[in-house]
Amino acid sequence: MVIIKKIEGDPDLQSYQKHFVENMEVEGKNQVKMLSFQDSVFANRELVFIDYDNRVFSQNLSQVCTYGCYHRKGNLVSIVCMAQRGLTKDNQKKRELFRKIIYSVKWVDE
């Protein structure tokens, strides 16, 4: 899933680290656990990656997910990649593709 949203000013991407789990969880529906948080110095800290586990109770589903967020010229680009837990080879391929996609958003302009 890719979302491109116009925003005013610069977002506080560090706040994603503090509030990510509470923003992603729906009480009684799923459980989210942040695995890692990474921001990129090479992109002036405007690029954020968050790896997390998502457990969906109603479907007895456990997913490993990556959330990427990139801010450029007034646009906030968010991408989420999900894979079922336990499919290690498949997960690795999806994550590699995901990283290529998020780095390719440099075309986003005003």
Foldseek 3Di string as FASTA:
>chain_A
DKDKDFDPDADPVVVCVVCVQVVPDDPPFKGKDWDDKDADVVLVRQKIKIWMWIQGVVVRFIKIKIWIWGDDARMIMIDMDIDGPPPVVVVVVRVVVVVVVNVPPPVDYD
